[in-house]
Amino acid sequence: CVVGTLLAGGSSITRARIRPPGAVSEISFLAACARCGKCAEICPRGAIKIAHGDDGLGIGTPYIVPQEQYCVLCMKCVEVCSAGALRAVEKPKTRMGVAHIDTDRCIARTDDDCRVCYNNCPYMDKAIKLENRKYPYIDPEFCTGCGKCEHVCIASPVKACTVSPIEE
């Protein structure tokens, strides 16, 4: 993965981020994004943030932090992106990232009843499935990376369900 590594010449790319739906590969995204902020402005849930400060070449680019707000895949950000950094994609084929469940932190794995991530997943029984009708697990083939599972996870103080950007 080139994200978070150094390019020839020593300039830092950026730390790995979950990009809005329809984002092209990270290097292409960084080159194409006009840093106009229209995607963040139109996002109805305020899920899209704009990178600042120590983000290297990623300054001004959009990203999503699922713990703060998840993406509903409304695709309005794709509609306003005239630079081509975000491209139209069918909702079920969106791959912003992939969720992971830490089985040591998962409340269902401690023999308590918890189906919060499973019940809230927009692709229930596809992206999040239940093993033995009790233990949630992620099927990366169907996970869109929307972050809803991470956002609603009730494990505390550290979430059991987290979304990571897709490795290139």
Protein backbone atom coordinates (compact mmCIF):
# COMPACT_ATOMS: atom_id res chain seq x y z
CA CYS A 1 0.00 0.00 0.00
CA VAL A 2 1.40 3.36 -0.96
CA VAL A 3 -0.84 5.27 1.43
CA GLY A 4 1.18 6.43 4.41
CA THR A 5 4.49 5.63 2.72
CA LEU A 6 6.99 7.82 0.99
CA LEU A 7 7.19 8.55 -2.71
CA ALA A 8 10.49 8.74 -4.54
CA GLY A 9 11.84 12.14 -3.64
CA GLY A 10 10.71 11.81 -0.04
CA SER A 11 7.38 13.64 -0.03
CA SER A 12 4.72 12.17 2.21
CA ILE A 13 1.48 11.06 0.57
CA THR A 14 -1.01 11.07 3.46
CA ARG A 15 -2.18 8.85 6.27
CA ALA A 16 -4.78 6.26 5.32
CA ARG A 17 -8.28 7.76 5.31
CA ILE A 18 -11.75 6.48 4.57
CA ARG A 19 -12.72 8.43 1.48
CA PRO A 20 -16.32 9.23 0.42
CA PRO A 21 -18.16 6.71 -1.76
CA GLY A 22 -16.97 6.35 -5.34
CA ALA A 23 -13.43 7.54 -4.58
CA VAL A 24 -10.83 6.47 -7.13
CA SER A 25 -7.57 4.87 -5.91
CA GLU A 26 -5.72 6.99 -3.33
CA ILE A 27 -2.95 8.28 -5.62
CA SER A 28 -5.47 9.11 -8.36
CA PHE A 29 -7.75 10.66 -5.74
CA LEU A 30 -5.02 12.96 -4.42
CA ALA A 31 -4.19 14.02 -7.97
CA ALA A 32 -7.81 14.54 -9.08
CA CYS A 33 -9.46 16.11 -6.00
CA ALA A 34 -9.95 19.86 -6.53
CA ARG A 35 -10.19 20.39 -2.75
CA CYS A 36 -13.30 22.49 -3.33
CA GLY A 37 -15.23 21.14 -0.32
CA LYS A 38 -18.50 20.74 -2.25
CA CYS A 39 -18.78 17.11 -1.14
CA ALA A 40 -18.61 18.11 2.54
CA GLU A 41 -21.09 20.94 2.02
CA ILE A 42 -23.71 18.70 0.40
CA CYS A 43 -23.35 15.73 2.77
CA PRO A 44 -26.75 15.59 4.55
CA ARG A 45 -25.35 13.92 7.69
CA GLY A 46 -22.15 15.94 7.92
CA ALA A 47 -20.15 12.73 7.61
CA ILE A 48 -17.57 14.19 5.25
CA LYS A 49 -14.72 16.09 6.89
CA ILE A 50 -11.95 18.07 5.19
CA ALA A 51 -8.30 17.23 6.03
CA HIS A 52 -6.18 19.95 7.64
CA GLY A 53 -2.80 20.41 9.28
CA ASP A 54 -0.46 17.45 9.13
CA ASP A 55 -2.12 15.58 6.27
CA GLY A 56 0.70 16.12 3.76
CA LEU A 57 -0.56 16.00 0.20
CA GLY A 58 -4.02 15.16 1.59
CA ILE A 59 -4.67 18.67 2.96
CA GLY A 60 -8.07 19.86 1.74
CA THR A 61 -9.31 16.41 0.75
CA PRO A 62 -12.50 14.80 2.07
CA TYR A 63 -12.62 11.84 4.44
CA ILE A 64 -15.05 10.13 6.82
CA VAL A 65 -14.64 9.23 10.51
CA PRO A 66 -17.32 6.57 11.20
CA GLN A 67 -17.23 6.96 14.98
CA GLU A 68 -18.34 10.56 14.53
CA GLN A 69 -20.80 9.99 11.66
CA TYR A 70 -21.35 7.20 9.15
CA CYS A 71 -22.12 7.47 5.44
CA VAL A 72 -25.67 6.71 4.27
CA LEU A 73 -24.47 6.21 0.68
CA CYS A 74 -26.80 8.93 -0.62
CA MET A 75 -24.22 9.63 -3.38
CA LYS A 76 -24.84 13.39 -3.32
CA CYS A 77 -21.09 13.92 -2.95
CA VAL A 78 -20.50 11.99 -6.18
CA GLU A 79 -23.04 14.18 -7.99
CA VAL A 80 -21.20 17.42 -7.08
CA CYS A 81 -17.66 16.18 -7.75
CA SER A 82 -16.74 17.70 -11.10
CA ALA A 83 -13.05 16.80 -10.72
CA GLY A 84 -13.60 13.05 -11.14
CA ALA A 85 -12.14 12.10 -7.74
CA LEU A 86 -15.54 10.61 -6.82
CA ARG A 87 -17.28 8.51 -9.45
CA ALA A 88 -20.72 7.00 -9.67
CA VAL A 89 -20.97 3.50 -8.26
CA GLU A 90 -23.94 1.32 -7.34
CA LYS A 91 -24.53 1.44 -3.59
CA PRO A 92 -23.99 -2.29 -2.97
CA LYS A 93 -20.72 -2.14 -4.95
CA THR A 94 -19.31 0.79 -2.95
CA ARG A 95 -16.02 -0.02 -1.22
CA MET A 96 -14.98 2.89 1.02
CA GLY A 97 -13.34 0.56 3.50
CA VAL A 98 -13.95 -2.70 5.27
CA ALA A 99 -15.22 -3.34 8.79
CA HIS A 100 -13.45 -5.57 11.27
CA ILE A 101 -14.77 -6.99 14.54
CA ASP A 102 -12.35 -7.39 17.42
CA THR A 103 -13.60 -10.62 18.96
CA ASP A 104 -11.91 -9.77 22.28
CA ARG A 105 -13.99 -6.58 22.58
CA CYS A 106 -17.24 -7.77 20.98
CA ILE A 107 -20.00 -7.87 23.58
CA ALA A 108 -21.74 -10.77 21.80
CA ARG A 109 -18.53 -12.80 22.17
CA THR A 110 -18.63 -12.35 25.96
CA ASP A 111 -21.88 -14.32 25.96
CA ASP A 112 -24.02 -11.23 26.39
CA ASP A 113 -26.74 -10.57 23.87
CA CYS A 114 -25.74 -7.86 21.43
CA ARG A 115 -26.73 -7.50 17.81
CA VAL A 116 -26.40 -3.75 17.48
CA CYS A 117 -23.95 -3.82 14.54
CA TYR A 118 -25.85 -6.62 12.84
CA ASN A 119 -29.28 -5.02 13.27
CA ASN A 120 -28.07 -1.65 11.97
CA CYS A 121 -26.11 -2.83 8.96
CA PRO A 122 -27.74 -1.66 5.72
CA TYR A 123 -26.62 -4.97 4.20
CA MET A 124 -27.65 -7.24 7.08
CA ASP A 125 -27.04 -10.93 6.36
CA LYS A 126 -24.65 -9.94 3.60
CA ALA A 127 -21.99 -7.57 4.98
CA ILE A 128 -22.55 -8.59 8.61
CA LYS A 129 -23.65 -12.12 9.27
CA LEU A 130 -24.20 -14.10 12.45
CA GLU A 131 -22.28 -17.24 13.32
CA ASN A 132 -24.46 -19.64 15.31
CA ARG A 133 -27.20 -16.96 15.21
CA LYS A 134 -25.28 -14.98 17.81
CA TYR A 135 -21.75 -13.88 16.89
CA PRO A 136 -21.38 -11.13 14.28
CA TYR A 137 -18.71 -11.36 11.61
CA ILE A 138 -17.92 -9.32 8.51
CA ASP A 139 -18.04 -10.59 4.94
CA PRO A 140 -15.60 -8.23 3.16
CA GLU A 141 -17.11 -9.13 -0.21
CA PHE A 142 -20.27 -7.22 0.72
CA CYS A 143 -19.04 -4.62 3.24
CA THR A 144 -19.31 -1.11 1.74
CA GLY A 145 -17.26 0.50 4.53
CA CYS A 146 -20.09 2.94 5.30
CA GLY A 147 -19.15 2.88 9.00
CA LYS A 148 -22.61 2.44 10.47
CA CYS A 149 -21.49 -0.65 12.42
CA GLU A 150 -18.61 1.29 14.00
CA HIS A 151 -20.82 4.27 14.74
CA VAL A 152 -23.45 2.21 16.58
CA CYS A 153 -21.13 -0.27 18.34
CA ILE A 154 -21.80 -0.09 22.07
CA ALA A 155 -18.52 -1.63 23.23
CA SER A 156 -16.72 0.85 25.44
CA PRO A 157 -14.31 2.49 25.91
CA VAL A 158 -12.93 1.04 22.64
CA LYS A 159 -15.29 0.02 19.83
CA ALA A 160 -15.27 -3.64 18.86
CA CYS A 161 -16.29 -2.85 15.31
CA THR A 162 -14.03 -0.56 13.30
CA VAL A 163 -13.72 0.35 9.64
CA SER A 164 -10.36 0.61 7.90
CA PRO A 165 -9.64 2.04 4.46
CA ILE A 166 -9.23 -0.50 1.70
CA GLU A 167 -5.57 -1.33 1.10
CA GLU A 168 -4.48 -0.74 -2.47
